[in-house]
PDB file of N, CA and C in Angstrom:
ATOM      1  N   MET A   1     157.830 145.846 104.168  1.00  0.00           N
ATOM      2  CA  MET A   1     157.742 145.011 102.812  1.00  0.00           C
ATOM      3  C   MET A   1     156.004 145.123 102.204  1.00  0.00           C
ATOM      4  N   LEU A   2     156.049 145.337 100.945  1.00  0.00           N
ATOM      5  CA  LEU A   2     155.013 145.759 100.217  1.00  0.00           C
ATOM      6  C   LEU A   2     154.520 144.807  99.828  1.00  0.00           C
ATOM      7  N   PRO A   3     152.641 143.867  99.911  1.00  0.00           N
ATOM      8  CA  PRO A   3     152.584 143.029  99.538  1.00  0.00           C
ATOM      9  C   PRO A   3     152.471 142.583  98.001  1.00  0.00           C
ATOM     10  N   THR A   4     153.058 143.323  97.396  1.00  0.00           N
ATOM     11  CA  THR A   4     153.242 142.618  96.187  1.00  0.00           C
ATOM     12  C   THR A   4     154.896 142.752  95.664  1.00  0.00           C
ATOM     13  N   THR A   5     155.655 142.857  96.424  1.00  0.00           N
ATOM     14  CA  THR A   5     156.731 142.390  96.725  1.00  0.00           C
ATOM     15  C   THR A   5     157.349 140.998  96.447  1.00  0.00           C
ATOM     16  N   PRO A   6     157.637 140.245  95.943  1.00  0.00           N
ATOM     17  CA  PRO A   6     158.529 138.917  96.069  1.00  0.00           C
ATOM     18  C   PRO A   6     158.352 138.182  97.095  1.00  0.00           C
ATOM     19  N   CYS A   7     158.200 137.531  98.007  1.00  0.00           N
ATOM     20  CA  CYS A   7     157.774 136.545  99.323  1.00  0.00           C
ATOM     21  C   CYS A   7     159.490 136.443  99.465  1.00  0.00           C
ATOM     22  N   PRO A   8     160.549 136.995  99.982  1.00  0.00           N
ATOM     23  CA  PRO A   8     161.900 136.180 100.557  1.00  0.00           C
ATOM     24  C   PRO A   8     161.628 134.449 100.329  1.00  0.00           C
ATOM     25  N   CYS A   9     160.759 133.620 101.028  1.00  0.00           N
ATOM     26  CA  CYS A   9     160.678 132.518 101.359  1.00  0.00           C
ATOM     27  C   CYS A   9     161.358 131.419  99.563  1.00  0.00           C
ATOM     28  N   GLY A  10     160.973 132.634  98.683  1.00  0.00           N
ATOM     29  CA  GLY A  10     161.165 132.138  97.808  1.00  0.00           C
ATOM     30  C   GLY A  10     160.156 131.099  96.912  1.00  0.00           C
ATOM     31  N   SER A  11     159.333 131.130  97.373  1.00  0.00           N
ATOM     32  CA  SER A  11     157.721 130.517  97.289  1.00  0.00           C
ATOM     33  C   SER A  11     157.707 130.818  95.738  1.00  0.00           C
ATOM     34  N   GLY A  12     157.455 132.049  95.333  1.00  0.00           N
ATOM     35  CA  GLY A  12     157.621 132.669  93.486  1.00  0.00           C
ATOM     36  C   GLY A  12     155.930 133.538  93.721  1.00  0.00           C
ATOM     37  N   ARG A  13     155.707 133.688  95.119  1.00  0.00           N
ATOM     38  CA  ARG A  13     154.901 134.401  95.441  1.00  0.00           C
ATOM     39  C   ARG A  13     154.432 135.048  95.891  1.00  0.00           C
ATOM     40  N   ALA A  14     153.793 136.308  95.810  1.00  0.00           N
ATOM     41  CA  ALA A  14     154.047 137.573  96.710  1.00  0.00           C
ATOM     42  C   ALA A  14     153.963 137.643  97.696  1.00  0.00           C
ATOM     43  N   PHE A  15     154.384 138.619  98.652  1.00  0.00           N
ATOM     44  CA  PHE A  15     154.635 138.451  99.955  1.00  0.00           C
ATOM     45  C   PHE A  15     153.156 139.170 100.941  1.00  0.00           C
ATOM     46  N   GLY A  16     152.553 139.262 100.122  1.00  0.00           N
ATOM     47  CA  GLY A  16     150.976 139.304  99.907  1.00  0.00           C
ATOM     48  C   GLY A  16     149.606 138.610 100.858  1.00  0.00           C
ATOM     49  N   ALA A  17     150.300 137.356  99.744  1.00  0.00           N
ATOM     50  CA  ALA A  17     150.197 136.241  99.505  1.00  0.00           C
ATOM     51  C   ALA A  17     150.041 134.783  99.942  1.00  0.00           C
ATOM     52  N   CYS A  18     151.277 135.314 100.651  1.00  0.00           N
ATOM     53  CA  CYS A  18     152.192 134.025 100.919  1.00  0.00           C
ATOM     54  C   CYS A  18     152.471 134.222 102.248  1.00  0.00           C
ATOM     55  N   CYS A  19     153.790 135.185 103.203  1.00  0.00           N
ATOM     56  CA  CYS A  19     154.027 134.852 104.575  1.00  0.00           C
ATOM     57  C   CYS A  19     153.644 136.523 104.960  1.00  0.00           C
ATOM     58  N   GLY A  20     152.993 137.351 104.055  1.00  0.00           N
ATOM     59  CA  GLY A  20     152.840 138.154 104.640  1.00  0.00           C
ATOM     60  C   GLY A  20     151.328 138.335 105.847  1.00  0.00           C
ATOM     61  N   PRO A  21     150.479 137.414 105.542  1.00  0.00           N
ATOM     62  CA  PRO A  21     148.884 137.537 106.360  1.00  0.00           C
ATOM     63  C   PRO A  21     149.509 136.624 107.743  1.00  0.00           C
ATOM     64  N   ALA A  22     150.681 135.304 107.739  1.00  0.00           N
ATOM     65  CA  ALA A  22     151.037 135.011 108.725  1.00  0.00           C
ATOM     66  C   ALA A  22     152.288 136.295 109.588  1.00  0.00           C
ATOM     67  N   LEU A  23     152.973 136.720 108.824  1.00  0.00           N
ATOM     68  CA  LEU A  23     153.351 138.005 110.272  1.00  0.00           C
ATOM     69  C   LEU A  23     152.972 139.459 110.504  1.00  0.00           C
ATOM     70  N   SER A  24     151.778 139.107 109.809  1.00  0.00           N
ATOM     71  CA  SER A  24     151.580 140.572 110.191  1.00  0.00           C
ATOM     72  C   SER A  24     149.981 139.836 110.768  1.00  0.00           C
ATOM     73  N   GLY A  25     149.289 138.981 111.546  1.00  0.00           N
ATOM     74  CA  GLY A  25     149.291 138.527 112.784  1.00  0.00           C
ATOM     75  C   GLY A  25     147.334 138.072 111.601  1.00  0.00           C
ATOM     76  N   GLU A  26     147.542 138.618 110.701  1.00  0.00           N
ATOM     77  CA  GLU A  26     146.031 137.884 110.491  1.00  0.00           C
ATOM     78  C   GLU A  26     145.615 136.404 110.090  1.00  0.00           C
ATOM     79  N   ARG A  27     146.303 135.387 109.672  1.00  0.00           N
ATOM     80  CA  ARG A  27     146.086 134.128 109.869  1.00  0.00           C
ATOM     81  C   ARG A  27     147.727 133.644 110.684  1.00  0.00           C
ATOM     82  N   PRO A  28     147.193 132.864 111.174  1.00  0.00           N
ATOM     83  CA  PRO A  28     148.165 131.538 111.091  1.00  0.00           C
ATOM     84  C   PRO A  28     148.374 131.176 109.945  1.00  0.00           C
ATOM     85  N   ALA A  29     150.208 129.988 110.189  1.00  0.00           N
ATOM     86  CA  ALA A  29     150.410 129.609 109.186  1.00  0.00           C
ATOM     87  C   ALA A  29     148.847 128.182 108.735  1.00  0.00           C
ATOM     88  N   PRO A  30     149.410 127.463 107.838  1.00  0.00           N
ATOM     89  CA  PRO A  30     148.315 126.178 107.423  1.00  0.00           C
ATOM     90  C   PRO A  30     148.971 125.620 106.976  1.00  0.00           C
ATOM     91  N   THR A  31     150.230 125.520 107.511  1.00  0.00           N
ATOM     92  CA  THR A  31     151.077 124.430 106.957  1.00  0.00           C
ATOM     93  C   THR A  31     152.509 123.965 107.836  1.00  0.00           C
ATOM     94  N   ALA A  32     153.339 123.685 108.447  1.00  0.00           N
ATOM     95  CA  ALA A  32     154.696 123.461 109.174  1.00  0.00           C
ATOM     96  C   ALA A  32     155.737 124.034 107.916  1.00  0.00           C
ATOM     97  N   GLU A  33     155.363 123.789 106.485  1.00  0.00           N
ATOM     98  CA  GLU A  33     155.893 123.921 105.716  1.00  0.00           C
ATOM     99  C   GLU A  33     156.222 125.555 105.653  1.00  0.00           C
ATOM    100  N   ALA A  34     155.113 126.515 105.493  1.00  0.00           N
ATOM    101  CA  ALA A  34     154.342 127.305 105.694  1.00  0.00           C
ATOM    102  C   ALA A  34     155.143 128.532 106.576  1.00  0.00           C
ATOM    103  N   LEU A  35     154.672 127.326 108.025  1.00  0.00           N
ATOM    104  CA  LEU A  35     155.662 128.298 108.999  1.00  0.00           C
ATOM    105  C   LEU A  35     157.287 128.123 108.739  1.00  0.00           C
ATOM    106  N   MET A  36     157.678 127.530 108.422  1.00  0.00           N
ATOM    107  CA  MET A  36     159.073 127.391 108.429  1.00  0.00           C
ATOM    108  C   MET A  36     159.536 128.874 107.085  1.00  0.00           C
ATOM    109  N   ARG A  37     158.672 128.399 105.812  1.00  0.00           N
ATOM    110  CA  ARG A  37     158.933 129.753 105.165  1.00  0.00           C
ATOM    111  C   ARG A  37     158.722 130.912 106.133  1.00  0.00           C
ATOM    112  N   SER A  38     158.084 131.207 106.680  1.00  0.00           N
ATOM    113  CA  SER A  38     157.663 132.524 106.931  1.00  0.00           C
ATOM    114  C   SER A  38     158.120 133.221 108.433  1.00  0.00           C
ATOM    115  N   ARG A  39     158.858 131.704 108.970  1.00  0.00           N
ATOM    116  CA  ARG A  39     160.073 132.259 109.576  1.00  0.00           C
ATOM    117  C   ARG A  39     160.964 132.601 109.526  1.00  0.00           C
ATOM    118  N   TYR A  40     161.757 131.418 108.321  1.00  0.00           N
ATOM    119  CA  TYR A  40     163.188 132.514 106.965  1.00  0.00           C
ATOM    120  C   TYR A  40     162.881 133.731 106.870  1.00  0.00           C
ATOM    121  N   THR A  41     161.484 133.681 106.103  1.00  0.00           N
ATOM    122  CA  THR A  41     160.928 135.195 106.281  1.00  0.00           C
ATOM    123  C   THR A  41     160.886 136.195 107.000  1.00  0.00           C
ATOM    124  N   ALA A  42     160.949 136.463 108.002  1.00  0.00           N
ATOM    125  CA  ALA A  42     160.734 137.046 109.765  1.00  0.00           C
ATOM    126  C   ALA A  42     162.433 137.645 110.001  1.00  0.00           C
ATOM    127  N   PHE A  43     163.437 136.021 109.796  1.00  0.00           N
ATOM    128  CA  PHE A  43     164.570 136.514 109.752  1.00  0.00           C
ATOM    129  C   PHE A  43     164.918 137.179 108.641  1.00  0.00           C
ATOM    130  N   THR A  44     164.849 137.610 107.614  1.00  0.00           N
ATOM    131  CA  THR A  44     164.951 138.564 106.832  1.00  0.00           C
ATOM    132  C   THR A  44     164.852 139.713 107.038  1.00  0.00           C
ATOM    133  N   VAL A  45     163.541 140.130 107.362  1.00  0.00           N
ATOM    134  CA  VAL A  45     162.929 141.052 107.858  1.00  0.00           C
ATOM    135  C   VAL A  45     163.469 141.472 109.336  1.00  0.00           C
ATOM    136  N   ARG A  46     163.906 140.393 109.975  1.00  0.00           N
ATOM    137  CA  ARG A  46     164.508 140.656 111.529  1.00  0.00           C
ATOM    138  C   ARG A  46     162.820 140.817 112.607  1.00  0.00           C
ATOM    139  N   ASP A  47     162.338 139.821 112.089  1.00  0.00           N
ATOM    140  CA  ASP A  47     160.980 140.356 113.054  1.00  0.00           C
ATOM    141  C   ASP A  47     161.311 139.212 114.441  1.00  0.00           C
ATOM    142  N   THR A  48     161.437 139.511 115.532  1.00  0.00           N
ATOM    143  CA  THR A  48     161.894 138.993 116.502  1.00  0.00           C
ATOM    144  C   THR A  48     160.874 138.400 117.593  1.00  0.00           C
ATOM    145  N   ALA A  49     159.619 139.516 117.233  1.00  0.00           N
ATOM    146  CA  ALA A  49     158.547 138.860 118.033  1.00  0.00           C
ATOM    147  C   ALA A  49     157.908 137.582 117.479  1.00  0.00           C
ATOM    148  N   TYR A  50     158.094 137.906 116.223  1.00  0.00           N
ATOM    149  CA  TYR A  50     156.918 136.991 115.375  1.00  0.00           C
ATOM    150  C   TYR A  50     157.382 135.071 115.564  1.00  0.00           C
ATOM    151  N   LEU A  51     159.129 135.768 115.451  1.00  0.00           N
ATOM    152  CA  LEU A  51     159.782 134.092 115.787  1.00  0.00           C
ATOM    153  C   LEU A  51     159.565 133.728 116.762  1.00  0.00           C
ATOM    154  N   LEU A  52     159.117 134.773 118.386  1.00  0.00           N
ATOM    155  CA  LEU A  52     159.628 134.007 118.852  1.00  0.00           C
ATOM    156  C   LEU A  52     157.846 132.908 119.212  1.00  0.00           C
ATOM    157  N   ALA A  53     156.756 133.749 118.783  1.00  0.00           N
ATOM    158  CA  ALA A  53     155.227 134.141 119.003  1.00  0.00           C
ATOM    159  C   ALA A  53     155.496 132.408 118.566  1.00  0.00           C
ATOM    160  N   THR A  54     156.371 132.082 117.316  1.00  0.00           N
ATOM    161  CA  THR A  54     155.970 130.982 116.243  1.00  0.00           C
ATOM    162  C   THR A  54     157.067 130.155 117.108  1.00  0.00           C
ATOM    163  N   TRP A  55     157.599 130.104 118.245  1.00  0.00           N
ATOM    164  CA  TRP A  55     158.404 128.906 118.471  1.00  0.00           C
ATOM    165  C   TRP A  55     158.023 128.860 120.042  1.00  0.00           C
ATOM    166  N   HIS A  56     157.564 126.939 119.905  1.00  0.00           N
ATOM    167  CA  HIS A  56     156.914 126.207 121.102  1.00  0.00           C
ATOM    168  C   HIS A  56     157.356 126.455 121.977  1.00  0.00           C
ATOM    169  N   PRO A  57     156.246 127.018 123.259  1.00  0.00           N
ATOM    170  CA  PRO A  57     157.206 127.204 124.349  1.00  0.00           C
ATOM    171  C   PRO A  57     157.863 126.620 125.747  1.00  0.00           C
ATOM    172  N   SER A  58     158.217 125.053 125.214  1.00  0.00           N
ATOM    173  CA  SER A  58     158.604 124.228 125.207  1.00  0.00           C
ATOM    174  C   SER A  58     160.206 123.854 125.551  1.00  0.00           C
ATOM    175  N   THR A  59     160.528 124.992 124.022  1.00  0.00           N
ATOM    176  CA  THR A  59     162.145 125.630 124.205  1.00  0.00           C
ATOM    177  C   THR A  59     162.691 126.655 123.833  1.00  0.00           C
ATOM    178  N   ARG A  60     161.410 127.159 123.174  1.00  0.00           N
ATOM    179  CA  ARG A  60     161.231 128.655 123.089  1.00  0.00           C
ATOM    180  C   ARG A  60     162.457 129.831 123.957  1.00  0.00           C
ATOM    181  N   PRO A  61     163.143 130.304 123.066  1.00  0.00           N
ATOM    182  CA  PRO A  61     164.482 131.431 124.004  1.00  0.00           C
ATOM    183  C   PRO A  61     163.730 132.398 124.953  1.00  0.00           C
ATOM    184  N   GLN A  62     164.249 132.456 126.372  1.00  0.00           N
ATOM    185  CA  GLN A  62     163.595 133.992 126.623  1.00  0.00           C
ATOM    186  C   GLN A  62     163.818 134.836 125.922  1.00  0.00           C
ATOM    187  N   ASP A  63     164.643 135.118 125.050  1.00  0.00           N
ATOM    188  CA  ASP A  63     164.520 136.212 124.083  1.00  0.00           C
ATOM    189  C   ASP A  63     165.828 135.749 123.060  1.00  0.00           C
ATOM    190  N   LEU A  64     165.376 136.987 121.874  1.00  0.00           N
ATOM    191  CA  LEU A  64     165.996 136.595 120.592  1.00  0.00           C
ATOM    192  C   LEU A  64     166.933 137.466 119.846  1.00  0.00           C
ATOM    193  N   ALA A  65     168.205 137.581 120.696  1.00  0.00           N
ATOM    194  CA  ALA A  65     168.385 138.427 119.405  1.00  0.00           C
ATOM    195  C   ALA A  65     169.454 138.768 118.060  1.00  0.00           C
ATOM    196  N   LEU A  66     169.187 139.246 117.267  1.00  0.00           N
ATOM    197  CA  LEU A  66     168.820 139.707 115.510  1.00  0.00           C
ATOM    198  C   LEU A  66     169.842 140.534 115.551  1.00  0.00           C
ATOM    199  N   ASP A  67     170.420 141.370 116.518  1.00  0.00           N
ATOM    200  CA  ASP A  67     171.384 142.306 116.895  1.00  0.00           C
ATOM    201  C   ASP A  67     173.135 141.935 115.795  1.00  0.00           C
ATOM    202  N   GLU A  68     173.367 141.504 115.485  1.00  0.00           N
ATOM    203  CA  GLU A  68     174.758 140.533 114.831  1.00  0.00           C
ATOM    204  C   GLU A  68     174.980 141.563 113.852  1.00  0.00           C
ATOM    205  N   GLU A  69     176.145 142.349 113.524  1.00  0.00           N
ATOM    206  CA  GLU A  69     176.977 142.858 113.344  1.00  0.00           C
ATOM    207  C   GLU A  69     178.131 142.795 112.171  1.00  0.00           C
ATOM    208  N   PRO A  70     178.611 142.241 111.047  1.00  0.00           N
ATOM    209  CA  PRO A  70     176.940 143.285 110.551  1.00  0.00           C
ATOM    210  C   PRO A  70     175.441 141.755 110.275  1.00  0.00           C
ATOM    211  N   PRO A  71     175.229 142.315 110.021  1.00  0.00           N
ATOM    212  CA  PRO A  71     173.387 141.767 109.547  1.00  0.00           C
ATOM    213  C   PRO A  71     173.365 140.250 108.979  1.00  0.00           C
ATOM    214  N   PRO A  72     173.013 139.593 109.326  1.00  0.00           N
ATOM    215  CA  PRO A  72     173.338 138.406 108.059  1.00  0.00           C
ATOM    216  C   PRO A  72     172.234 138.749 106.874  1.00  0.00           C
ATOM    217  N   LYS A  73     172.473 138.831 105.271  1.00  0.00           N
ATOM    218  CA  LYS A  73     171.868 139.003 104.125  1.00  0.00           C
ATOM    219  C   LYS A  73     171.153 137.516 103.750  1.00  0.00           C
ATOM    220  N   TRP A  74     169.761 137.439 103.992  1.00  0.00           N
ATOM    221  CA  TRP A  74     169.555 136.173 103.770  1.00  0.00           C
ATOM    222  C   TRP A  74     169.319 136.109 101.625  1.00  0.00           C
ATOM    223  N   ILE A  75     170.070 135.202 101.566  1.00  0.00           N
ATOM    224  CA  ILE A  75     169.691 135.200 100.109  1.00  0.00           C
ATOM    225  C   ILE A  75     168.874 134.205  99.785  1.00  0.00           C
ATOM    226  N   GLY A  76     168.477 133.273  99.829  1.00  0.00           N
ATOM    227  CA  GLY A  76     168.177 132.035  99.597  1.00  0.00           C
ATOM    228  C   GLY A  76     167.526 131.295 100.544  1.00  0.00           C
ATOM    229  N   LEU A  77     166.679 130.739 100.308  1.00  0.00           N
ATOM    230  CA  LEU A  77     165.707 129.350 100.975  1.00  0.00           C
ATOM    231  C   LEU A  77     165.073 128.194  99.618  1.00  0.00           C
ATOM    232  N   ASP A  78     165.864 126.526 100.201  1.00  0.00           N
ATOM    233  CA  ASP A  78     165.132 125.794  99.229  1.00  0.00           C
ATOM    234  C   ASP A  78     164.889 124.810 100.093  1.00  0.00           C
ATOM    235  N   VAL A  79     163.429 124.178 100.097  1.00  0.00           N
ATOM    236  CA  VAL A  79     162.616 123.555 101.029  1.00  0.00           C
ATOM    237  C   VAL A  79     162.770 122.233 100.259  1.00  0.00           C
ATOM    238  N   ARG A  80     163.491 121.574 100.868  1.00  0.00           N
ATOM    239  CA  ARG A  80     163.952 119.937 100.439  1.00  0.00           C
ATOM    240  C   ARG A  80     163.155 119.405 100.537  1.00  0.00           C
ATOM    241  N   ALA A  81     162.357 118.985 101.730  1.00  0.00           N
ATOM    242  CA  ALA A  81     161.285 118.316 101.865  1.00  0.00           C
ATOM    243  C   ALA A  81     160.169 118.943 103.396  1.00  0.00           C
ATOM    244  N   HIS A  82     158.963 118.142 102.896  1.00  0.00           N
ATOM    245  CA  HIS A  82     157.924 118.421 103.797  1.00  0.00           C
ATOM    246  C   HIS A  82     157.601 116.765 104.302  1.00  0.00           C
ATOM    247  N   ARG A  83     158.078 116.714 105.410  1.00  0.00           N
ATOM    248  CA  ARG A  83     157.171 114.969 105.988  1.00  0.00           C
ATOM    249  C   ARG A  83     156.203 115.120 107.305  1.00  0.00           C
ATOM    250  N   PRO A  84     154.475 115.362 106.903  1.00  0.00           N
ATOM    251  CA  PRO A  84     153.903 115.485 108.080  1.00  0.00           C
ATOM    252  C   PRO A  84     153.767 113.817 108.720  1.00  0.00           C
ATOM    253  N   LEU A  85     154.154 113.651 109.806  1.00  0.00           N
ATOM    254  CA  LEU A  85     153.994 112.341 110.379  1.00  0.00           C
ATOM    255  C   LEU A  85     152.902 112.208 110.994  1.00  0.00           C
ATOM    256  N   ALA A  86     152.205 113.203 111.602  1.00  0.00           N
ATOM    257  CA  ALA A  86     150.875 112.982 112.120  1.00  0.00           C
ATOM    258  C   ALA A  86     149.890 114.159 111.784  1.00  0.00           C
ATOM    259  N   GLU A  87     148.611 114.292 112.320  1.00  0.00           N
ATOM    260  CA  GLU A  87     148.033 115.463 111.317  1.00  0.00           C
ATOM    261  C   GLU A  87     148.769 117.121 112.638  1.00  0.00           C
ATOM    262  N   ASP A  88     149.087 116.248 113.364  1.00  0.00           N
ATOM    263  CA  ASP A  88     149.572 117.396 114.414  1.00  0.00           C
ATOM    264  C   ASP A  88     151.468 117.510 114.643  1.00  0.00           C
ATOM    265  N   HIS A  89     151.981 116.090 114.720  1.00  0.00           N
ATOM    266  CA  HIS A  89     153.427 117.032 113.820  1.00  0.00           C
ATOM    267  C   HIS A  89     153.824 116.714 112.284  1.00  0.00           C
ATOM    268  N   ALA A  90     155.329 117.409 112.587  1.00  0.00           N
ATOM    269  CA  ALA A  90     155.901 117.804 110.948  1.00  0.00           C
ATOM    270  C   ALA A  90     156.968 117.880 111.179  1.00  0.00           C
ATOM    271  N   GLU A  91     157.607 117.626 109.920  1.00  0.00           N
ATOM    272  CA  GLU A  91     159.154 117.832 109.751  1.00  0.00           C
ATOM    273  C   GLU A  91     159.609 118.543 108.418  1.00  0.00           C
ATOM    274  N   VAL A  92     160.305 119.402 108.315  1.00  0.00           N
ATOM    275  CA  VAL A  92     160.999 120.238 107.447  1.00  0.00           C
ATOM    276  C   VAL A  92     162.053 120.400 107.487  1.00  0.00           C
ATOM    277  N   GLU A  93     162.695 119.765 106.085  1.00  0.00           N
ATOM    278  CA  GLU A  93     164.321 119.226 105.480  1.00  0.00           C
ATOM    279  C   GLU A  93     164.144 121.387 104.819  1.00  0.00           C
ATOM    280  N   PHE A  94     165.262 121.808 104.540  1.00  0.00           N
ATOM    281  CA  PHE A  94     165.163 123.209 104.494  1.00  0.00           C
ATOM    282  C   PHE A  94     167.387 123.472 104.444  1.00  0.00           C
ATOM    283  N   LEU A  95     167.190 124.288 103.400  1.00  0.00           N
ATOM    284  CA  LEU A  95     168.473 124.616 103.025  1.00  0.00           C
ATOM    285  C   LEU A  95     167.825 126.490 103.259  1.00  0.00           C
ATOM    286  N   ALA A  96     168.898 126.830 104.131  1.00  0.00           N
ATOM    287  CA  ALA A  96     168.639 129.125 103.786  1.00  0.00           C
ATOM    288  C   ALA A  96     170.152 129.026 103.287  1.00  0.00           C
ATOM    289  N   ARG A  97     170.725 129.847 102.854  1.00  0.00           N
ATOM    290  CA  ARG A  97     171.891 130.485 102.381  1.00  0.00           C
ATOM    291  C   ARG A  97     171.956 132.016 102.736  1.00  0.00           C
ATOM    292  N   CYS A  98     172.799 133.173 103.866  1.00  0.00           N
ATOM    293  CA  CYS A  98     173.077 133.773 103.654  1.00  0.00           C
ATOM    294  C   CYS A  98     174.523 134.473 103.811  1.00  0.00           C
ATOM    295  N   ARG A  99     174.894 135.579 103.834  1.00  0.00           N
ATOM    296  CA  ARG A  99     176.128 136.370 103.157  1.00  0.00           C
ATOM    297  C   ARG A  99     176.019 136.467 104.270  1.00  0.00           C
ATOM    298  N   ILE A 100     177.203 137.400 105.639  1.00  0.00           N
ATOM    299  CA  ILE A 100     177.729 137.891 106.682  1.00  0.00           C
ATOM    300  C   ILE A 100     178.721 138.518 106.389  1.00  0.00           C
ATOM    301  N   GLY A 101     179.064 140.009 106.490  1.00  0.00           N
ATOM    302  CA  GLY A 101     180.782 140.237 106.108  1.00  0.00           C
ATOM    303  C   GLY A 101     180.567 139.826 104.808  1.00  0.00           C
ATOM    304  N   GLY A 102     180.208 139.738 104.074  1.00  0.00           N
ATOM    305  CA  GLY A 102     180.952 139.235 102.082  1.00  0.00           C
ATOM    306  C   GLY A 102     180.916 137.823 102.161  1.00  0.00           C
ATOM    307  N   ARG A 103     180.987 136.733 103.496  1.00  0.00           N
ATOM    308  CA  ARG A 103     181.355 135.399 102.746  1.00  0.00           C
ATOM    309  C   ARG A 103     180.049 134.754 103.464  1.00  0.00           C
ATOM    310  N   ALA A 104     179.430 133.643 101.964  1.00  0.00           N
ATOM    311  CA  ALA A 104     178.825 133.166 102.325  1.00  0.00           C
ATOM    312  C   ALA A 104     178.523 131.830 102.703  1.00  0.00           C
ATOM    313  N   GLN A 105     176.867 131.688 102.978  1.00  0.00           N
ATOM    314  CA  GLN A 105     177.431 130.790 104.719  1.00  0.00           C
ATOM    315  C   GLN A 105     175.878 130.172 104.127  1.00  0.00           C
ATOM    316  N   ARG A 106     175.823 128.508 104.787  1.00  0.00           N
ATOM    317  CA  ARG A 106     174.193 127.819 104.534  1.00  0.00           C
ATOM    318  C   ARG A 106     173.873 127.492 106.142  1.00  0.00           C
ATOM    319  N   LEU A 107     172.990 127.211 106.485  1.00  0.00           N
ATOM    320  CA  LEU A 107     171.979 126.305 107.340  1.00  0.00           C
ATOM    321  C   LEU A 107     171.953 125.507 106.615  1.00  0.00           C
ATOM    322  N   HIS A 108     171.823 123.685 106.797  1.00  0.00           N
ATOM    323  CA  HIS A 108     171.105 122.839 106.347  1.00  0.00           C
ATOM    324  C   HIS A 108     170.293 122.186 107.690  1.00  0.00           C
ATOM    325  N   GLU A 109     169.003 122.140 107.887  1.00  0.00           N
ATOM    326  CA  GLU A 109     168.331 121.609 109.228  1.00  0.00           C
ATOM    327  C   GLU A 109     167.341 120.861 108.608  1.00  0.00           C
ATOM    328  N   THR A 110     167.296 119.795 109.375  1.00  0.00           N
ATOM    329  CA  THR A 110     165.559 119.122 109.571  1.00  0.00           C
ATOM    330  C   THR A 110     164.673 119.944 111.028  1.00  0.00           C
ATOM    331  N   SER A 111     163.535 120.540 110.395  1.00  0.00           N
ATOM    332  CA  SER A 111     163.410 121.212 111.617  1.00  0.00           C
ATOM    333  C   SER A 111     162.306 120.156 111.877  1.00  0.00           C
ATOM    334  N   ARG A 112     161.572 120.312 113.270  1.00  0.00           N
ATOM    335  CA  ARG A 112     160.192 119.587 114.380  1.00  0.00           C
ATOM    336  C   ARG A 112     159.642 120.809 114.475  1.00  0.00           C
ATOM    337  N   PHE A 113     157.747 120.263 113.846  1.00  0.00           N
ATOM    338  CA  PHE A 113     157.056 121.331 114.265  1.00  0.00           C
ATOM    339  C   PHE A 113     155.622 120.662 115.241  1.00  0.00           C
ATOM    340  N   VAL A 114     155.177 120.840 115.819  1.00  0.00           N
ATOM    341  CA  VAL A 114     154.112 120.667 116.264  1.00  0.00           C
ATOM    342  C   VAL A 114     152.543 121.234 115.818  1.00  0.00           C
ATOM    343  N   LYS A 115     151.370 121.333 116.200  1.00  0.00           N
ATOM    344  CA  LYS A 115     150.289 121.831 116.200  1.00  0.00           C
ATOM    345  C   LYS A 115     149.149 121.710 117.172  1.00  0.00           C
ATOM    346  N   GLU A 116     149.790 122.998 117.677  1.00  0.00           N
ATOM    347  CA  GLU A 116     148.313 122.663 118.607  1.00  0.00           C
ATOM    348  C   GLU A 116     147.144 124.473 119.063  1.00  0.00           C
ATOM    349  N   ASP A 117     145.740 123.514 118.948  1.00  0.00           N
ATOM    350  CA  ASP A 117     145.181 124.566 119.458  1.00  0.00           C
ATOM    351  C   ASP A 117     144.436 125.407 118.002  1.00  0.00           C
ATOM    352  N   GLY A 118     145.420 124.881 116.998  1.00  0.00           N
ATOM    353  CA  GLY A 118     144.584 125.384 115.209  1.00  0.00           C
ATOM    354  C   GLY A 118     146.300 125.950 115.199  1.00  0.00           C
ATOM    355  N   ARG A 119     147.195 126.100 115.572  1.00  0.00           N
ATOM    356  CA  ARG A 119     148.389 126.723 114.782  1.00  0.00           C
ATOM    357  C   ARG A 119     149.774 125.890 115.176  1.00  0.00           C
ATOM    358  N   TRP A 120     150.775 125.948 113.635  1.00  0.00           N
ATOM    359  CA  TRP A 120     152.086 125.397 114.207  1.00  0.00           C
ATOM    360  C   TRP A 120     152.834 125.730 115.131  1.00  0.00           C
ATOM    361  N   TYR A 121     153.987 124.850 115.499  1.00  0.00           N
ATOM    362  CA  TYR A 121     154.914 125.985 116.250  1.00  0.00           C
ATOM    363  C   TYR A 121     155.945 125.112 115.437  1.00  0.00           C
ATOM    364  N   TYR A 122     157.374 125.848 115.479  1.00  0.00           N
ATOM    365  CA  TYR A 122     158.403 125.524 115.215  1.00  0.00           C
ATOM    366  C   TYR A 122     159.587 124.930 117.311  1.00  0.00           C
ATOM    367  N   VAL A 123     159.636 123.534 117.105  1.00  0.00           N
ATOM    368  CA  VAL A 123     159.963 123.571 118.502  1.00  0.00           C
ATOM    369  C   VAL A 123     161.925 122.966 118.567  1.00  0.00           C
ATOM    370  N   ASP A 124     161.968 121.947 117.489  1.00  0.00           N
ATOM    371  CA  ASP A 124     163.693 122.441 117.624  1.00  0.00           C
ATOM    372  C   ASP A 124     163.692 122.003 116.364  1.00  0.00           C
ATOM    373  N   GLY A 125     165.138 121.560 116.018  1.00  0.00           N
ATOM    374  CA  GLY A 125     165.569 121.005 114.895  1.00  0.00           C
ATOM    375  C   GLY A 125     167.459 120.769 114.250  1.00  0.00           C
ATOM    376  N   ASP A 126     167.667 119.758 113.777  1.00  0.00           N
ATOM    377  CA  ASP A 126     169.231 118.835 113.777  1.00  0.00           C
ATOM    378  C   ASP A 126     169.191 119.744 112.611  1.00  0.00           C
ATOM    379  N   ILE A 127     171.253 120.330 112.845  1.00  0.00           N
ATOM    380  CA  ILE A 127     172.060 120.488 112.121  1.00  0.00           C
ATOM    381  C   ILE A 127     172.492 119.335 111.035  1.00  0.00           C
ATOM    382  N   HIS A 128     171.980 119.696 109.467  1.00  0.00           N
ATOM    383  CA  HIS A 128     173.069 118.707 108.791  1.00  0.00           C
ATOM    384  C   HIS A 128     174.886 119.420 108.351  1.00  0.00           C
ATOM    385  N   ALA A 129     176.044 118.538 108.656  1.00  0.00           N
ATOM    386  CA  ALA A 129     177.071 119.501 108.453  1.00  0.00           C
ATOM    387  C   ALA A 129     177.244 119.108 107.146  1.00  0.00           C
TER     388      ALA A 129
END
């Protein structure tokens, strides 16, 4: 993805000024919301290594298969709320939309994040019906 391409996370910023530095390892996401946005972007480009690296070890799966056929086409992200709960804990509520085989689907989740050693990690989340 080119640095000047609009970032898939929907921030309105260019990829190189938004999620790009986190995905490349140049610098960690500065907030739980930024990490959530970068993880959404990682799903859009199928960056399994980044998704696993930003998943807290206490809840991280052994592996993550993103080989669905047909693959989801991620089409939008709406961050509904970013709630810092403490200096090192936060929640982010979001709605992500995709198409799988032409069918629209959505994921509405409140995710929990923890900050350790200066880095934010995804812990888990509650899916809303």
